[in-house]
Amino acid sequence: MYPNTTPSSGSFNDQLVAVPPHTRGGGVPAVGWARVAFVINSLRELPSAVVIVETVDEERLVIDWGGRRFWWLSTGSALPEQPRIAGIRMARAPGSVVPTIRELPEPIDALLWHAGLLAFPGEIAPWLRADAAYRATGWPNFTVVAHGPEHVRMTALLSRRALTVEQLAKAARVEPSAASDFVNALALLDVVVDEDSVASSKIAVSKPSSLFARLRARWGVDRG
């Protein structure tokens, strides 16, 4: 049982299943925020889930995915540069709800932003394409995430048009590594899209319509 919860959390702990580390290129296990980012990315289609990240320093990160909130249970108040993860457990059953924690939660956007910026330093996340053009579909909540003027500038640029990481770096006057870290953060926040994937999806959806149009014309359905 993790600290600062009600005693009734025992049954909740029974729902938790260990999550093995994802592997990166060459079969190397992900560590630190990269490991957390892989888990978060796997939650995209789930309405609710609870994730418990335990560190070797006896800290706990509790993520309430359905409630869009998290707790960092540690003697230090700030999220670390890189957590030294001992293990991750997850409850994915429908309606999974974290037991009562006495500390106040923080909005999950702060965690997603922090993890996204630090998970894959200088590299695009493995589930994203390095050569893709990305467009922002929304803005990070800059009232809850730590940011600089370059982050506002890059968000504005991607809100206007799709850019590759290299194009974004040049337009925003930042290093390519900073641009890729920023795109990773937007990806975890789920406010960025790969324009090539969007275009392919639109083409795939439009094909049946074109087929039906040809059939309608062939059989004279549209004729008066």
Foldseek 3Di string as FASTA:
>chain_A
DAPQFDPVCPVVVVLKDWDFFDADPPRHGFFFLLRVLVVLVVCVPALWKWKWWAAPVGWIWIDTNNVQWIDTRDPDDDDDLTGHTPTMIMRRPPPRDHGDGPDDIAGNLQVLLSSLLRRDQLDARPVDDQFFWKAFQDARPPVRYDDDVLLVVLNVVRPVDTGHLVRSCVVSVHDSRNSRSSVSSSVSVVGMDGVVVVVVVVVVVCVVVVVVVVVCVVVVVVPD
